[in-house]
Protein backbone atom coordinates (compact mmCIF):
# COMPACT_ATOMS: atom_id res chain seq x y z
CA UNK A 1 7.23 9.02 14.60
CA UNK A 2 3.59 10.02 14.60
CA UNK A 3 0.86 7.78 15.98
CA UNK A 4 -1.31 6.46 13.13
CA UNK A 5 -4.91 5.42 12.70
CA UNK A 6 -3.75 1.81 12.38
CA UNK A 7 -3.17 -0.91 14.98
CA UNK A 8 0.14 -0.84 16.82
CA UNK A 9 2.63 -3.31 15.36
CA UNK A 10 6.00 -4.74 16.34
CA UNK A 11 8.42 -2.91 14.04
CA UNK A 12 12.15 -3.65 14.21
CA UNK A 13 13.94 -0.31 14.12
CA UNK A 14 17.67 0.35 14.29
CA UNK A 15 20.02 3.28 13.94
CA UNK A 16 22.61 2.87 11.20
CA UNK A 17 25.13 5.68 10.75
CA UNK A 18 22.71 8.23 12.18
CA UNK A 19 19.74 7.08 10.07
CA UNK A 20 16.79 5.18 11.45
CA UNK A 21 16.05 1.99 9.56
CA UNK A 22 12.99 -0.27 9.76
CA UNK A 23 12.84 -3.95 8.86
CA UNK A 24 10.43 -4.62 5.99
CA UNK A 25 8.97 -8.11 6.41
CA UNK A 26 8.04 -8.23 2.71
CA UNK A 27 11.40 -7.15 1.25
CA UNK A 28 13.22 -8.96 4.07
CA UNK A 29 15.65 -6.12 4.67
CA UNK A 30 16.11 -2.88 6.59
CA UNK A 31 15.05 0.27 4.72
CA UNK A 32 15.29 3.96 5.61
CA UNK A 33 12.51 4.96 7.97
CA UNK A 34 10.82 7.91 6.28
CA UNK A 35 7.34 9.13 7.30
CA UNK A 36 5.89 7.39 4.20
CA UNK A 37 7.72 4.17 5.10
CA UNK A 38 6.29 4.42 8.63
CA UNK A 39 2.81 4.38 7.09
CA UNK A 40 3.67 1.57 4.65
CA UNK A 41 5.08 -0.70 7.39
CA UNK A 42 2.08 -0.20 9.65
CA UNK A 43 -0.24 -0.87 6.72
CA UNK A 44 1.63 -4.05 5.76
CA UNK A 45 1.23 -5.38 9.29
CA UNK A 46 -2.44 -4.35 9.27
CA UNK A 47 -3.10 -6.19 6.00
CA UNK A 48 -1.26 -9.33 7.12
CA UNK A 49 -2.44 -9.50 10.74
CA UNK A 50 -5.93 -8.00 10.60
CA UNK A 51 -7.09 -8.53 7.02
CA UNK A 52 -5.35 -11.92 6.49
CA UNK A 53 -3.36 -11.08 3.36
CA UNK A 54 -0.63 -13.73 2.97
CA UNK A 55 2.82 -12.12 3.17
CA UNK A 56 3.94 -14.19 0.19
CA UNK A 57 1.26 -12.53 -1.97
CA UNK A 58 2.28 -8.95 -1.16
CA UNK A 59 4.86 -6.98 -3.18
CA UNK A 60 6.36 -3.66 -2.16
CA UNK A 61 7.91 -0.94 -4.34
CA UNK A 62 8.07 -2.95 -7.53
CA UNK A 63 8.50 -1.34 -10.89
CA UNK A 64 6.03 -1.57 -13.75
CA UNK A 65 5.93 -0.06 -17.21
CA UNK A 66 2.90 2.05 -18.11
CA UNK A 67 2.76 3.95 -21.43
CA UNK A 68 6.51 3.43 -21.96
CA UNK A 69 7.23 4.99 -18.56
CA UNK A 70 8.62 3.25 -15.51
CA UNK A 71 6.41 3.56 -12.43
CA UNK A 72 6.91 2.20 -8.92
CA UNK A 73 3.87 1.23 -6.89
CA UNK A 74 3.92 1.29 -3.08
CA UNK A 75 2.15 -2.02 -2.46
CA UNK A 76 0.46 -4.64 -4.60
CA UNK A 77 -1.35 -7.69 -3.23
CA UNK A 78 -2.15 -10.71 -5.39
CA UNK A 79 -4.92 -13.28 -5.13
CA UNK A 80 -4.18 -17.00 -4.80
CA UNK A 81 -4.03 -17.32 -8.61
CA UNK A 82 -1.22 -14.74 -8.73
CA UNK A 83 -3.42 -12.03 -10.25
CA UNK A 84 -3.22 -8.44 -8.94
CA UNK A 85 -5.99 -7.89 -6.37
CA UNK A 86 -5.24 -4.69 -4.45
CA UNK A 87 -2.95 -1.74 -5.12
CA UNK A 88 -2.12 0.80 -2.42
CA UNK A 89 -0.53 4.22 -2.49
CA UNK A 90 0.89 5.65 0.73
CA UNK A 91 1.68 9.20 1.72
CA UNK A 92 3.30 10.60 4.85
CA UNK A 93 0.89 11.51 7.66
CA UNK A 94 1.39 15.22 7.00
CA UNK A 95 0.43 14.89 3.33
CA UNK A 96 -3.22 15.43 2.47
CA UNK A 97 -4.88 12.88 0.25
CA UNK A 98 -6.09 14.68 -2.86
CA UNK A 99 -7.48 13.92 -6.28
CA UNK A 100 -3.87 13.93 -7.52
CA UNK A 101 -3.13 11.02 -5.17
CA UNK A 102 -6.03 9.03 -6.58
CA UNK A 103 -5.02 9.92 -10.14
CA UNK A 104 -1.54 8.57 -9.45
CA UNK A 105 -2.72 5.16 -8.25
CA UNK A 106 -5.36 4.92 -10.98
CA UNK A 107 -2.62 5.45 -13.60
CA UNK A 108 -0.65 2.57 -12.06
CA UNK A 109 -3.77 0.43 -12.17
CA UNK A 110 -4.51 0.98 -15.86
CA UNK A 111 -2.47 -2.08 -16.83
CA UNK A 112 -2.98 -4.07 -13.62
CA UNK A 113 -6.80 -4.01 -13.40
CA UNK A 114 -6.98 -4.74 -9.66
CA UNK A 115 -10.27 -5.14 -7.85
CA UNK A 116 -9.36 -2.81 -4.98
CA UNK A 117 -7.56 0.53 -4.79
CA UNK A 118 -6.39 1.87 -1.41
CA UNK A 119 -4.91 5.26 -0.56
CA UNK A 120 -3.68 6.08 2.94
CA UNK A 121 -1.58 8.61 4.80
CA UNK A 122 -1.82 6.54 7.97
CA UNK A 123 -4.49 8.82 9.41
CA UNK A 124 -7.08 8.60 6.65
CA UNK A 125 -7.69 5.51 4.53
CA UNK A 126 -9.76 5.31 1.37
CA UNK A 127 -10.65 2.10 -0.42
CA UNK A 128 -12.53 1.62 -3.67
CA UNK A 129 -13.83 -1.45 -5.41
CA UNK A 130 -13.63 -1.23 -9.20
CA UNK A 131 -16.30 -2.68 -11.49
CA UNK A 132 -14.70 -2.80 -14.92
CA UNK A 133 -17.70 -4.28 -16.72
CA UNK A 134 -19.84 -1.33 -15.55
CA UNK A 135 -17.02 1.22 -15.85
CA UNK A 136 -17.72 2.29 -12.26
CA UNK A 137 -16.41 2.12 -8.72
CA UNK A 138 -17.68 2.44 -5.19
CA UNK A 139 -15.98 3.64 -2.02
CA UNK A 140 -15.82 1.00 0.70
CA UNK A 141 -16.41 1.61 4.40
CA UNK A 142 -13.30 -0.37 5.32
CA UNK A 143 -10.23 -1.99 3.83
CA UNK A 144 -11.30 -5.33 2.29
CA UNK A 145 -10.21 -8.62 3.79
CA UNK A 146 -8.23 -11.06 1.70
CA UNK A 147 -10.47 -13.22 -0.48
């Protein structure tokens, strides 16, 4: 797999029936190792180890209903009160991050109202802080630490 713009991390990888699988520490199971999953797993380790997000407050690939449609977010982190804090959308390293990518994660956030939105393809990372009372946002220079 491609080297990412994220710290190296100790991933458990195995070959099962000709498919590479990676252990997801959040879901507590092996999942198929796709390029997008490679990014997600590195980002999970980055959030937990470097940015101090508690593993117990991180959810991966959960379903939500938005405008009567089922959506599945890539990662959602909660604050200590159990309220959504950060939503992240991941793409494979070869996929460019576009306005469409941001539109996708913003749609997911319409009902969640998180403080932070993150988009990453493992090589480029974008983070925004949302200010709902001002109906505005600002891009951040780095991924926010857990608060």
